[in-house]
């Protein structure tokens, strides 16, 4: 128990530590390039389509990695590949630091009936099925870890998150890292758990009594 407590404390400080962006880019140029991106991801980086991700506040390191993967064919999505294929490394860096600079739009809990199980999975996982706690990589408030390329999921849309978890589980999406952490976790989640953990508004993870809808 003592070792577990120490690990949780280390995880907390590791994931909440602030650091300067490791990506060297121009916010101003990124804003100019983002005009086309805004059609899907919103002019402020907060998408109006629940199946398209919010980019506002996303770590530039992670965003740059994913954009490069779409451009280079390592991650497949017909629309995103078409949009990214003409981007230079400089363009990708500029877009990434621009979206990182935008404020995250706070989201409410998608399904308040799933709040308890969503919190439970996020914070403690599921020992019976071997599901690891989301908090270990994404932090106590869903802020992720830029140095480790763990994305910000705070404020991400529930439908988008659920789709990504299902894609990981089916193999439609693969981790860019050789260690397939997300596939291993997603395969062990039930449909109910996927919907629940996706539904929880990560802006409320530190405010468990706030259950607005």
N, C-alpha and C. Protein backbone atom coordinates (compact mmCIF):
# COMPACT_ATOMS: atom_id res chain seq x y z
N UNK A 1 0.83 -1.21 0.00
CA UNK A 1 0.00 0.00 0.00
C UNK A 1 0.87 1.26 0.00
N UNK A 2 2.00 1.19 0.76
CA UNK A 2 2.87 2.36 0.81
C UNK A 2 3.48 2.64 -0.55
N UNK A 3 3.91 1.56 -1.24
CA UNK A 3 4.49 1.73 -2.57
C UNK A 3 3.48 2.31 -3.53
N UNK A 4 2.23 1.82 -3.44
CA UNK A 4 1.18 2.33 -4.31
C UNK A 4 0.94 3.80 -4.07
N UNK A 5 0.96 4.22 -2.81
CA UNK A 5 0.73 5.62 -2.48
C UNK A 5 1.85 6.49 -3.03
N UNK A 6 3.09 6.01 -2.91
CA UNK A 6 4.23 6.76 -3.43
C UNK A 6 4.12 6.92 -4.94
N UNK A 7 3.74 5.83 -5.62
CA UNK A 7 3.60 5.88 -7.07
C UNK A 7 2.53 6.87 -7.50
N UNK A 8 1.41 6.88 -6.77
CA UNK A 8 0.33 7.81 -7.10
C UNK A 8 0.78 9.25 -6.92
N UNK A 9 1.57 9.51 -5.87
CA UNK A 9 2.08 10.87 -5.64
C UNK A 9 3.01 11.29 -6.77
N UNK A 10 3.90 10.35 -7.17
CA UNK A 10 4.82 10.65 -8.26
C UNK A 10 4.07 10.91 -9.56
N UNK A 11 3.04 10.10 -9.82
CA UNK A 11 2.23 10.29 -11.01
C UNK A 11 1.57 11.65 -11.01
N UNK A 12 1.07 12.04 -9.84
CA UNK A 12 0.39 13.33 -9.71
C UNK A 12 1.31 14.48 -10.09
N UNK A 13 2.51 14.50 -9.50
CA UNK A 13 3.43 15.61 -9.77
C UNK A 13 4.00 15.53 -11.18
N UNK A 14 4.21 14.30 -11.69
CA UNK A 14 4.74 14.13 -13.03
C UNK A 14 3.79 14.65 -14.07
N UNK A 15 2.50 14.41 -13.87
CA UNK A 15 1.49 14.78 -14.85
C UNK A 15 1.01 16.21 -14.72
N UNK A 16 1.22 16.83 -13.57
CA UNK A 16 0.74 18.19 -13.38
C UNK A 16 1.85 19.22 -13.48
N UNK A 17 3.08 18.76 -13.64
CA UNK A 17 4.18 19.69 -13.74
C UNK A 17 4.06 20.51 -15.02
N UNK A 18 4.37 21.79 -14.93
CA UNK A 18 4.30 22.66 -16.10
C UNK A 18 5.67 22.72 -16.76
N UNK A 19 5.66 22.85 -18.06
CA UNK A 19 6.92 22.94 -18.79
C UNK A 19 6.68 23.71 -20.07
N UNK A 20 7.77 24.30 -20.59
CA UNK A 20 7.66 25.03 -21.83
C UNK A 20 7.50 24.03 -22.97
N UNK A 21 6.83 24.49 -24.03
CA UNK A 21 6.61 23.62 -25.18
C UNK A 21 7.94 23.20 -25.78
N UNK A 22 8.01 21.94 -26.19
CA UNK A 22 9.21 21.43 -26.83
C UNK A 22 9.18 21.68 -28.34
N UNK A 23 8.07 22.23 -28.82
CA UNK A 23 7.92 22.50 -30.25
C UNK A 23 8.22 23.96 -30.53
N UNK A 24 9.08 24.18 -31.49
CA UNK A 24 9.45 25.54 -31.88
C UNK A 24 8.62 25.94 -33.09
N UNK A 25 7.67 26.84 -32.88
CA UNK A 25 6.78 27.25 -33.97
C UNK A 25 6.27 28.66 -33.78
N UNK A 26 5.60 29.16 -34.79
CA UNK A 26 5.04 30.51 -34.76
C UNK A 26 3.53 30.46 -34.58
N UNK A 27 3.06 31.01 -33.46
CA UNK A 27 1.62 31.07 -33.20
C UNK A 27 0.92 31.90 -34.27
N UNK A 28 1.53 32.99 -34.66
CA UNK A 28 0.93 33.88 -35.66
C UNK A 28 0.77 33.18 -37.00
N UNK A 29 1.80 32.47 -37.44
CA UNK A 29 1.71 31.76 -38.70
C UNK A 29 0.73 30.59 -38.60
N UNK A 30 0.73 29.94 -37.44
CA UNK A 30 -0.20 28.84 -37.22
C UNK A 30 -1.64 29.30 -37.31
N UNK A 31 -1.91 30.48 -36.79
CA UNK A 31 -3.27 31.03 -36.85
C UNK A 31 -3.69 31.24 -38.30
N UNK A 32 -2.76 31.71 -39.11
CA UNK A 32 -3.05 31.95 -40.52
C UNK A 32 -3.35 30.63 -41.25
N UNK A 33 -2.56 29.62 -40.98
CA UNK A 33 -2.76 28.32 -41.63
C UNK A 33 -4.04 27.65 -41.17
N UNK A 34 -4.46 27.94 -39.93
CA UNK A 34 -5.59 27.23 -39.32
C UNK A 34 -6.95 27.58 -39.90
N UNK A 35 -7.02 28.55 -40.77
CA UNK A 35 -8.31 28.98 -41.33
C UNK A 35 -9.06 27.79 -41.94
N UNK A 36 -8.35 26.96 -42.68
CA UNK A 36 -8.98 25.78 -43.29
C UNK A 36 -9.38 24.76 -42.23
N UNK A 37 -8.55 24.59 -41.23
CA UNK A 37 -8.81 23.62 -40.16
C UNK A 37 -10.08 23.97 -39.38
N UNK A 38 -10.36 25.27 -39.30
CA UNK A 38 -11.49 25.74 -38.51
C UNK A 38 -12.83 25.22 -38.98
N UNK A 39 -12.92 24.82 -40.24
CA UNK A 39 -14.18 24.30 -40.76
C UNK A 39 -14.63 23.06 -40.01
N UNK A 40 -13.68 22.26 -39.55
CA UNK A 40 -14.00 21.04 -38.80
C UNK A 40 -13.74 21.17 -37.31
N UNK A 41 -12.65 21.86 -36.97
CA UNK A 41 -12.23 21.90 -35.57
C UNK A 41 -12.63 23.18 -34.85
N UNK A 42 -13.39 24.04 -35.53
CA UNK A 42 -13.85 25.27 -34.90
C UNK A 42 -12.83 26.38 -35.02
N UNK A 43 -13.32 27.61 -35.15
CA UNK A 43 -12.41 28.74 -35.32
C UNK A 43 -11.57 28.99 -34.07
N UNK A 44 -12.05 28.49 -32.94
CA UNK A 44 -11.30 28.65 -31.69
C UNK A 44 -10.72 27.31 -31.22
N UNK A 45 -10.70 26.33 -32.12
CA UNK A 45 -10.14 25.03 -31.78
C UNK A 45 -11.09 24.12 -31.05
N UNK A 46 -12.35 24.55 -30.88
CA UNK A 46 -13.36 23.74 -30.21
C UNK A 46 -14.41 23.34 -31.24
N UNK A 47 -14.41 22.08 -31.61
CA UNK A 47 -15.24 21.59 -32.70
C UNK A 47 -16.73 21.62 -32.36
N UNK A 48 -17.55 21.92 -33.38
CA UNK A 48 -19.00 21.89 -33.18
C UNK A 48 -19.56 20.52 -33.57
N UNK A 49 -18.73 19.67 -34.16
CA UNK A 49 -19.13 18.31 -34.50
C UNK A 49 -18.61 17.36 -33.43
N UNK A 50 -19.46 16.63 -32.73
CA UNK A 50 -19.01 15.78 -31.62
C UNK A 50 -18.08 14.65 -32.01
N UNK A 51 -18.00 14.33 -33.31
CA UNK A 51 -17.11 13.25 -33.74
C UNK A 51 -15.74 13.76 -34.19
N UNK A 52 -15.58 15.09 -34.20
CA UNK A 52 -14.28 15.66 -34.54
C UNK A 52 -13.65 16.25 -33.29
N UNK A 53 -12.36 16.05 -33.11
CA UNK A 53 -11.73 16.46 -31.84
C UNK A 53 -11.57 17.96 -31.66
N UNK A 54 -11.60 18.36 -30.40
CA UNK A 54 -11.23 19.73 -30.04
C UNK A 54 -9.71 19.78 -30.01
N UNK A 55 -9.14 20.84 -30.59
CA UNK A 55 -7.69 20.99 -30.63
C UNK A 55 -7.18 22.05 -29.67
N UNK A 56 -8.08 22.89 -29.18
CA UNK A 56 -7.69 23.97 -28.29
C UNK A 56 -6.99 23.42 -27.04
N UNK A 57 -5.83 23.96 -26.74
CA UNK A 57 -5.10 23.57 -25.55
C UNK A 57 -4.31 22.28 -25.68
N UNK A 58 -4.46 21.58 -26.80
CA UNK A 58 -3.75 20.31 -26.95
C UNK A 58 -2.25 20.55 -26.98
N UNK A 59 -1.49 19.68 -26.31
CA UNK A 59 -0.04 19.84 -26.27
C UNK A 59 0.52 19.86 -27.69
N UNK A 60 1.37 20.83 -27.95
CA UNK A 60 1.94 20.97 -29.29
C UNK A 60 2.74 19.74 -29.69
N UNK A 61 3.40 19.11 -28.71
CA UNK A 61 4.19 17.92 -29.01
C UNK A 61 3.31 16.80 -29.56
N UNK A 62 2.18 16.59 -28.91
CA UNK A 62 1.27 15.53 -29.34
C UNK A 62 0.61 15.88 -30.67
N UNK A 63 0.14 17.12 -30.80
CA UNK A 63 -0.53 17.55 -32.03
C UNK A 63 0.41 17.44 -33.23
N UNK A 64 1.66 17.83 -33.04
CA UNK A 64 2.64 17.75 -34.13
C UNK A 64 2.89 16.30 -34.52
N UNK A 65 2.97 15.43 -33.53
CA UNK A 65 3.18 14.01 -33.81
C UNK A 65 2.04 13.43 -34.63
N UNK A 66 0.80 13.77 -34.26
CA UNK A 66 -0.36 13.23 -34.95
C UNK A 66 -0.50 13.79 -36.36
N UNK A 67 -0.26 15.09 -36.53
CA UNK A 67 -0.33 15.70 -37.86
C UNK A 67 0.71 15.08 -38.79
N UNK A 68 1.91 14.89 -38.29
CA UNK A 68 2.96 14.27 -39.10
C UNK A 68 2.59 12.84 -39.46
N UNK A 69 1.93 12.15 -38.54
CA UNK A 69 1.52 10.76 -38.80
C UNK A 69 0.47 10.70 -39.91
N UNK A 70 -0.48 11.65 -39.90
CA UNK A 70 -1.47 11.71 -40.98
C UNK A 70 -0.78 12.02 -42.31
N UNK A 71 0.12 12.98 -42.29
CA UNK A 71 0.81 13.36 -43.53
C UNK A 71 1.64 12.23 -44.09
N UNK A 72 2.29 11.47 -43.21
CA UNK A 72 3.21 10.43 -43.64
C UNK A 72 2.56 9.05 -43.79
N UNK A 73 1.24 8.98 -43.59
CA UNK A 73 0.54 7.72 -43.78
C UNK A 73 0.65 6.74 -42.63
N UNK A 74 1.13 7.19 -41.48
CA UNK A 74 1.24 6.32 -40.31
C UNK A 74 -0.06 6.25 -39.52
N UNK A 75 -0.92 7.23 -39.73
CA UNK A 75 -2.26 7.22 -39.13
C UNK A 75 -3.23 7.54 -40.26
N UNK A 76 -4.27 6.74 -40.39
CA UNK A 76 -5.13 6.86 -41.55
C UNK A 76 -6.50 7.45 -41.22
N UNK A 77 -6.86 8.45 -41.96
CA UNK A 77 -8.19 9.04 -41.99
C UNK A 77 -8.22 9.83 -43.29
N UNK A 78 -9.13 9.49 -44.18
CA UNK A 78 -9.11 10.05 -45.53
C UNK A 78 -9.13 11.57 -45.54
N UNK A 79 -9.95 12.17 -44.68
CA UNK A 79 -10.05 13.62 -44.64
C UNK A 79 -8.77 14.25 -44.09
N UNK A 80 -8.27 13.70 -42.99
CA UNK A 80 -7.09 14.28 -42.36
C UNK A 80 -5.83 14.07 -43.21
N UNK A 81 -5.72 12.94 -43.86
CA UNK A 81 -4.58 12.69 -44.73
C UNK A 81 -4.56 13.72 -45.86
N UNK A 82 -5.73 13.98 -46.43
CA UNK A 82 -5.82 14.96 -47.52
C UNK A 82 -5.45 16.36 -47.06
N UNK A 83 -5.82 16.69 -45.82
CA UNK A 83 -5.53 18.02 -45.29
C UNK A 83 -4.06 18.17 -44.89
N UNK A 84 -3.46 17.08 -44.43
CA UNK A 84 -2.10 17.17 -43.89
C UNK A 84 -1.01 16.92 -44.91
N UNK A 85 -1.34 16.29 -46.02
CA UNK A 85 -0.32 15.83 -46.95
C UNK A 85 0.54 16.97 -47.51
N UNK A 86 -0.01 18.16 -47.57
CA UNK A 86 0.76 19.29 -48.12
C UNK A 86 1.46 20.13 -47.07
N UNK A 87 1.40 19.71 -45.82
CA UNK A 87 2.00 20.50 -44.74
C UNK A 87 3.49 20.20 -44.60
N UNK A 88 4.27 21.24 -44.44
CA UNK A 88 5.69 21.06 -44.15
C UNK A 88 5.87 20.85 -42.65
N UNK A 89 7.06 20.46 -42.24
CA UNK A 89 7.33 20.32 -40.80
C UNK A 89 7.11 21.64 -40.09
N UNK A 90 7.49 22.73 -40.74
CA UNK A 90 7.31 24.05 -40.14
C UNK A 90 5.83 24.38 -39.98
N UNK A 91 5.04 24.07 -41.01
CA UNK A 91 3.59 24.30 -40.93
C UNK A 91 2.99 23.52 -39.75
N UNK A 92 3.39 22.28 -39.62
CA UNK A 92 2.87 21.42 -38.55
C UNK A 92 3.22 22.00 -37.18
N UNK A 93 4.45 22.44 -37.03
CA UNK A 93 4.86 23.03 -35.76
C UNK A 93 4.09 24.31 -35.47
N UNK A 94 3.89 25.12 -36.49
CA UNK A 94 3.17 26.39 -36.30
C UNK A 94 1.72 26.14 -35.91
N UNK A 95 1.07 25.22 -36.60
CA UNK A 95 -0.31 24.88 -36.25
C UNK A 95 -0.40 24.34 -34.84
N UNK A 96 0.55 23.52 -34.46
CA UNK A 96 0.51 22.86 -33.16
C UNK A 96 0.67 23.86 -32.02
N UNK A 97 1.59 24.79 -32.15
CA UNK A 97 1.78 25.77 -31.07
C UNK A 97 0.61 26.76 -31.03
N UNK A 98 0.01 27.01 -32.19
CA UNK A 98 -1.16 27.90 -32.22
C UNK A 98 -2.33 27.29 -31.45
N UNK A 99 -2.66 26.05 -31.76
CA UNK A 99 -3.78 25.42 -31.08
C UNK A 99 -3.49 25.21 -29.59
N UNK A 100 -2.23 24.95 -29.27
CA UNK A 100 -1.87 24.82 -27.85
C UNK A 100 -2.13 26.11 -27.09
N UNK A 101 -2.02 27.24 -27.79
CA UNK A 101 -2.17 28.55 -27.13
C UNK A 101 -3.63 28.92 -26.86
N UNK A 102 -4.58 28.18 -27.44
CA UNK A 102 -5.99 28.52 -27.30
C UNK A 102 -6.59 27.92 -26.03
N UNK A 103 -7.52 28.62 -25.40
CA UNK A 103 -8.12 28.09 -24.17
C UNK A 103 -9.04 26.92 -24.44
N UNK A 104 -9.01 25.95 -23.53
CA UNK A 104 -9.88 24.79 -23.63
C UNK A 104 -11.30 25.19 -23.24
N UNK A 105 -12.26 24.81 -24.06
CA UNK A 105 -13.66 25.09 -23.74
C UNK A 105 -14.16 24.03 -22.76
N UNK A 106 -14.63 24.46 -21.60
CA UNK A 106 -15.09 23.50 -20.60
C UNK A 106 -16.36 22.80 -21.08
N UNK A 107 -16.36 21.50 -20.89
CA UNK A 107 -17.50 20.69 -21.28
C UNK A 107 -18.22 20.18 -20.04
N UNK A 108 -19.49 19.92 -20.20
CA UNK A 108 -20.27 19.35 -19.11
C UNK A 108 -20.30 17.83 -19.26
N UNK A 109 -20.71 17.16 -18.21
CA UNK A 109 -20.80 15.70 -18.24
C UNK A 109 -21.87 15.29 -19.25
N UNK A 110 -21.50 14.43 -20.19
CA UNK A 110 -22.43 14.03 -21.24
C UNK A 110 -23.60 13.23 -20.69
N UNK A 111 -23.31 12.29 -19.80
CA UNK A 111 -24.36 11.45 -19.21
C UNK A 111 -24.15 11.38 -17.71
N UNK A 112 -24.89 12.15 -16.92
CA UNK A 112 -24.70 12.16 -15.47
C UNK A 112 -24.93 10.81 -14.82
N UNK A 113 -25.70 9.95 -15.48
CA UNK A 113 -25.95 8.61 -14.92
C UNK A 113 -24.70 7.73 -14.96
N UNK A 114 -23.74 8.12 -15.80
CA UNK A 114 -22.51 7.35 -15.92
C UNK A 114 -21.37 7.95 -15.11
N UNK A 115 -21.68 8.98 -14.35
CA UNK A 115 -20.63 9.72 -13.64
C UNK A 115 -19.81 8.83 -12.71
N UNK A 116 -20.48 8.05 -11.89
CA UNK A 116 -19.79 7.26 -10.87
C UNK A 116 -18.85 6.23 -11.50
N UNK A 117 -19.35 5.47 -12.47
CA UNK A 117 -18.50 4.45 -13.09
C UNK A 117 -17.39 5.09 -13.92
N UNK A 118 -17.68 6.24 -14.54
CA UNK A 118 -16.66 6.94 -15.31
C UNK A 118 -15.52 7.40 -14.42
N UNK A 119 -15.87 7.99 -13.27
CA UNK A 119 -14.86 8.42 -12.31
C UNK A 119 -14.06 7.23 -11.80
N UNK A 120 -14.75 6.14 -11.52
CA UNK A 120 -14.09 4.95 -10.98
C UNK A 120 -13.05 4.41 -11.95
N UNK A 121 -13.42 4.28 -13.22
CA UNK A 121 -12.49 3.77 -14.22
C UNK A 121 -11.33 4.74 -14.41
N UNK A 122 -11.65 6.02 -14.49
CA UNK A 122 -10.61 7.02 -14.73
C UNK A 122 -9.59 7.04 -13.60
N UNK A 123 -10.07 6.99 -12.39
CA UNK A 123 -9.18 7.12 -11.23
C UNK A 123 -8.57 5.80 -10.77
N UNK A 124 -9.32 4.72 -10.89
CA UNK A 124 -8.84 3.46 -10.32
C UNK A 124 -8.79 2.29 -11.25
N UNK A 125 -9.27 2.45 -12.49
CA UNK A 125 -9.28 1.35 -13.43
C UNK A 125 -10.25 0.26 -13.00
N UNK A 126 -9.99 -0.96 -13.44
CA UNK A 126 -10.81 -2.11 -13.07
C UNK A 126 -9.87 -3.28 -12.79
N UNK A 127 -9.68 -3.57 -11.51
CA UNK A 127 -8.74 -4.63 -11.13
C UNK A 127 -9.15 -6.00 -11.66
N UNK A 128 -10.44 -6.25 -11.73
CA UNK A 128 -10.92 -7.56 -12.16
C UNK A 128 -10.59 -7.85 -13.62
N UNK A 129 -10.73 -6.84 -14.46
CA UNK A 129 -10.47 -7.04 -15.88
C UNK A 129 -9.07 -6.61 -16.30
N UNK A 130 -8.34 -5.99 -15.36
CA UNK A 130 -6.98 -5.57 -15.67
C UNK A 130 -6.88 -4.24 -16.38
N UNK A 131 -7.95 -3.43 -16.33
CA UNK A 131 -7.94 -2.11 -16.96
C UNK A 131 -7.17 -1.13 -16.08
N UNK A 132 -6.17 -0.51 -16.65
CA UNK A 132 -5.37 0.46 -15.90
C UNK A 132 -6.13 1.78 -15.74
N UNK A 133 -5.84 2.49 -14.67
CA UNK A 133 -6.48 3.79 -14.43
C UNK A 133 -5.99 4.82 -15.44
N UNK A 134 -6.91 5.57 -16.00
CA UNK A 134 -6.57 6.60 -16.99
C UNK A 134 -5.67 7.68 -16.38
N UNK A 135 -5.86 7.90 -15.07
CA UNK A 135 -5.14 8.97 -14.37
C UNK A 135 -3.63 8.78 -14.43
N UNK A 136 -3.17 7.53 -14.57
CA UNK A 136 -1.74 7.25 -14.57
C UNK A 136 -1.00 7.96 -15.71
N UNK A 137 -1.64 8.07 -16.86
CA UNK A 137 -1.02 8.74 -18.01
C UNK A 137 -1.59 10.13 -18.28
N UNK A 138 -2.90 10.28 -18.09
CA UNK A 138 -3.56 11.54 -18.45
C UNK A 138 -3.72 12.51 -17.30
N UNK A 139 -3.29 12.10 -16.10
CA UNK A 139 -3.27 13.01 -14.97
C UNK A 139 -4.61 13.15 -14.27
N UNK A 140 -4.62 13.73 -13.06
CA UNK A 140 -5.83 13.83 -12.25
C UNK A 140 -6.92 14.68 -12.86
N UNK A 141 -6.56 15.59 -13.76
CA UNK A 141 -7.56 16.45 -14.39
C UNK A 141 -7.55 16.32 -15.90
N UNK A 142 -7.02 15.21 -16.42
CA UNK A 142 -7.04 14.98 -17.86
C UNK A 142 -6.12 15.86 -18.65
N UNK A 143 -5.06 16.39 -18.02
CA UNK A 143 -4.18 17.32 -18.72
C UNK A 143 -3.04 16.63 -19.47
N UNK A 144 -2.91 15.32 -19.28
CA UNK A 144 -1.90 14.59 -20.02
C UNK A 144 -0.48 14.93 -19.61
N UNK A 145 0.46 14.58 -20.48
CA UNK A 145 1.87 14.83 -20.23
C UNK A 145 2.56 15.07 -21.57
N UNK A 146 2.91 16.32 -21.88
CA UNK A 146 3.49 16.63 -23.20
C UNK A 146 4.80 15.93 -23.47
N UNK A 147 5.67 15.83 -22.47
CA UNK A 147 6.97 15.21 -22.68
C UNK A 147 6.85 13.74 -23.04
N UNK A 148 5.83 13.08 -22.49
CA UNK A 148 5.62 11.66 -22.76
C UNK A 148 4.65 11.42 -23.93
N UNK A 149 4.19 12.51 -24.53
CA UNK A 149 3.23 12.46 -25.64
C UNK A 149 1.89 11.84 -25.23
N UNK A 150 1.50 12.07 -23.98
CA UNK A 150 0.17 11.68 -23.51
C UNK A 150 -0.73 12.89 -23.68
N UNK A 151 -1.78 12.79 -24.50
CA UNK A 151 -2.56 13.97 -24.85
C UNK A 151 -3.44 14.53 -23.74
N UNK A 152 -3.73 15.81 -23.87
CA UNK A 152 -4.74 16.46 -23.06
C UNK A 152 -6.09 15.89 -23.47
N UNK A 153 -6.88 15.40 -22.51
CA UNK A 153 -8.23 14.94 -22.82
C UNK A 153 -9.27 15.74 -22.06
N UNK A 154 -8.80 16.72 -21.30
CA UNK A 154 -9.67 17.63 -20.58
C UNK A 154 -10.54 18.40 -21.57
N UNK A 155 -11.86 18.25 -21.44
CA UNK A 155 -12.76 19.00 -22.31
C UNK A 155 -13.00 18.37 -23.67
N UNK A 156 -12.44 17.18 -23.93
CA UNK A 156 -12.66 16.53 -25.22
C UNK A 156 -14.08 15.99 -25.30
N UNK A 157 -14.66 16.01 -26.49
CA UNK A 157 -16.02 15.55 -26.67
C UNK A 157 -16.18 14.07 -26.37
N UNK A 158 -17.29 13.70 -25.73
CA UNK A 158 -17.51 12.31 -25.32
C UNK A 158 -17.62 11.37 -26.52
N UNK A 159 -18.31 11.79 -27.58
CA UNK A 159 -18.48 10.91 -28.74
C UNK A 159 -17.15 10.65 -29.43
N UNK A 160 -16.31 11.69 -29.51
CA UNK A 160 -15.00 11.51 -30.13
C UNK A 160 -14.15 10.56 -29.30
N UNK A 161 -14.13 10.76 -27.98
CA UNK A 161 -13.33 9.91 -27.11
C UNK A 161 -13.79 8.46 -27.20
N UNK A 162 -15.10 8.25 -27.19
CA UNK A 162 -15.62 6.88 -27.29
C UNK A 162 -15.23 6.23 -28.61
N UNK A 163 -15.28 7.00 -29.70
CA UNK A 163 -14.89 6.46 -31.00
C UNK A 163 -13.42 6.04 -31.00
N UNK A 164 -12.56 6.87 -30.41
CA UNK A 164 -11.14 6.54 -30.39
C UNK A 164 -10.89 5.28 -29.56
N UNK A 165 -11.57 5.15 -28.43
CA UNK A 165 -11.41 3.95 -27.60
C UNK A 165 -11.87 2.71 -28.35
N UNK A 166 -12.99 2.83 -29.05
CA UNK A 166 -13.48 1.70 -29.84
C UNK A 166 -12.54 1.37 -30.99
N UNK A 167 -11.97 2.40 -31.60
CA UNK A 167 -11.02 2.17 -32.70
C UNK A 167 -9.74 1.49 -32.19
N UNK A 168 -9.30 1.90 -31.01
CA UNK A 168 -8.14 1.23 -30.42
C UNK A 168 -8.47 -0.24 -30.15
N UNK A 169 -9.65 -0.48 -29.60
CA UNK A 169 -10.06 -1.84 -29.24
C UNK A 169 -10.15 -2.74 -30.47
N UNK A 170 -10.64 -2.19 -31.59
CA UNK A 170 -10.81 -2.98 -32.80
C UNK A 170 -9.54 -3.09 -33.63
N UNK A 171 -8.57 -2.22 -33.33
CA UNK A 171 -7.34 -2.19 -34.12
C UNK A 171 -7.39 -1.21 -35.26
N UNK A 172 -8.52 -0.49 -35.41
CA UNK A 172 -8.64 0.50 -36.48
C UNK A 172 -7.66 1.66 -36.26
N UNK A 173 -7.35 1.92 -35.00
CA UNK A 173 -6.33 2.92 -34.68
C UNK A 173 -5.25 2.24 -33.85
N UNK A 174 -4.01 2.51 -34.23
CA UNK A 174 -2.87 1.94 -33.50
C UNK A 174 -2.03 3.07 -32.91
N UNK A 175 -1.45 2.80 -31.77
CA UNK A 175 -0.56 3.77 -31.15
C UNK A 175 0.67 3.97 -32.03
N UNK A 176 1.19 5.18 -32.07
CA UNK A 176 2.40 5.43 -32.84
C UNK A 176 3.62 4.92 -32.09
N UNK A 177 3.46 4.71 -30.79
CA UNK A 177 4.53 4.13 -29.98
C UNK A 177 4.57 2.63 -30.19
N UNK A 178 5.75 2.02 -30.13
CA UNK A 178 5.85 0.56 -30.25
C UNK A 178 5.07 -0.17 -29.16
N UNK A 179 4.94 0.46 -28.02
CA UNK A 179 4.18 -0.12 -26.91
C UNK A 179 2.71 0.26 -27.09
N UNK A 180 1.88 -0.72 -27.36
CA UNK A 180 0.48 -0.47 -27.68
C UNK A 180 -0.38 -0.37 -26.41
N UNK A 181 -0.11 0.64 -25.62
CA UNK A 181 -0.80 0.79 -24.34
C UNK A 181 -2.30 0.96 -24.52
N UNK A 182 -2.70 1.87 -25.42
CA UNK A 182 -4.12 2.16 -25.56
C UNK A 182 -4.90 0.97 -26.13
N UNK A 183 -4.30 0.22 -27.03
CA UNK A 183 -4.99 -0.96 -27.54
C UNK A 183 -5.23 -1.97 -26.42
N UNK A 184 -4.22 -2.18 -25.60
CA UNK A 184 -4.34 -3.14 -24.51
C UNK A 184 -5.42 -2.74 -23.52
N UNK A 185 -5.48 -1.45 -23.22
CA UNK A 185 -6.49 -0.97 -22.26
C UNK A 185 -7.88 -1.03 -22.87
N UNK A 186 -8.02 -0.51 -24.09
CA UNK A 186 -9.34 -0.41 -24.73
C UNK A 186 -9.98 -1.78 -24.94
N UNK A 187 -9.17 -2.78 -25.25
CA UNK A 187 -9.71 -4.13 -25.48
C UNK A 187 -10.36 -4.71 -24.23
N UNK A 188 -9.92 -4.25 -23.07
CA UNK A 188 -10.44 -4.79 -21.81
C UNK A 188 -11.65 -4.02 -21.29
N UNK A 189 -11.95 -2.88 -21.91
CA UNK A 189 -13.10 -2.07 -21.48
C UNK A 189 -14.39 -2.63 -22.07
N UNK A 190 -15.43 -2.66 -21.27
CA UNK A 190 -16.75 -3.02 -21.80
C UNK A 190 -17.33 -1.80 -22.51
N UNK A 191 -18.38 -2.02 -23.30
CA UNK A 191 -19.04 -0.89 -23.95
C UNK A 191 -19.54 0.12 -22.93
N UNK A 192 -20.07 -0.39 -21.83
CA UNK A 192 -20.57 0.49 -20.77
C UNK A 192 -19.44 1.33 -20.19
N UNK A 193 -18.29 0.73 -19.98
CA UNK A 193 -17.15 1.46 -19.41
C UNK A 193 -16.62 2.50 -20.38
N UNK A 194 -16.59 2.15 -21.67
CA UNK A 194 -16.13 3.11 -22.68
C UNK A 194 -17.04 4.33 -22.69
N UNK A 195 -18.34 4.11 -22.71
CA UNK A 195 -19.28 5.22 -22.73
C UNK A 195 -19.18 6.05 -21.46
N UNK A 196 -18.99 5.37 -20.32
CA UNK A 196 -18.94 6.07 -19.04
C UNK A 196 -17.69 6.94 -18.91
N UNK A 197 -16.53 6.37 -19.21
CA UNK A 197 -15.30 7.12 -19.05
C UNK A 197 -15.20 8.23 -20.10
N UNK A 198 -15.82 8.04 -21.26
CA UNK A 198 -15.84 9.08 -22.29
C UNK A 198 -16.80 10.20 -21.91
N UNK A 199 -17.86 9.84 -21.19
CA UNK A 199 -18.89 10.80 -20.83
C UNK A 199 -18.46 11.77 -19.75
N UNK A 200 -17.58 11.30 -18.86
CA UNK A 200 -17.15 12.15 -17.76
C UNK A 200 -16.46 13.39 -18.31
N UNK A 201 -16.89 14.55 -17.85
CA UNK A 201 -16.23 15.79 -18.23
C UNK A 201 -14.97 15.91 -17.40
N UNK A 202 -13.81 15.89 -18.04
CA UNK A 202 -12.57 15.88 -17.29
C UNK A 202 -12.31 17.19 -16.58
N UNK A 203 -13.06 18.22 -16.91
CA UNK A 203 -12.94 19.46 -16.15
C UNK A 203 -13.54 19.28 -14.77
N UNK A 204 -14.29 18.20 -14.56
CA UNK A 204 -14.94 17.98 -13.27
C UNK A 204 -14.26 16.88 -12.46
N UNK A 205 -13.14 16.37 -12.93
CA UNK A 205 -12.52 15.27 -12.20
C UNK A 205 -12.07 15.67 -10.81
N UNK A 206 -11.71 16.94 -10.65
CA UNK A 206 -11.28 17.40 -9.34
C UNK A 206 -12.44 18.02 -8.57
N UNK A 207 -13.63 17.96 -9.16
CA UNK A 207 -14.83 18.51 -8.50
C UNK A 207 -15.93 17.46 -8.52
N UNK A 208 -15.75 16.37 -7.78
CA UNK A 208 -16.67 15.24 -7.87
C UNK A 208 -18.10 15.55 -7.44
N UNK A 209 -18.34 16.66 -6.76
CA UNK A 209 -19.70 16.97 -6.32
C UNK A 209 -20.44 17.79 -7.38
N UNK A 210 -19.73 18.24 -8.39
CA UNK A 210 -20.34 19.06 -9.43
C UNK A 210 -20.80 18.16 -10.57
N UNK A 211 -22.10 18.00 -10.76
CA UNK A 211 -22.59 17.09 -11.77
C UNK A 211 -23.55 17.81 -12.72
N UNK A 212 -23.13 18.94 -13.21
CA UNK A 212 -23.97 19.71 -14.11
C UNK A 212 -24.11 18.97 -15.43
N UNK A 213 -25.21 19.25 -16.14
CA UNK A 213 -25.42 18.67 -17.46
C UNK A 213 -25.77 19.78 -18.41
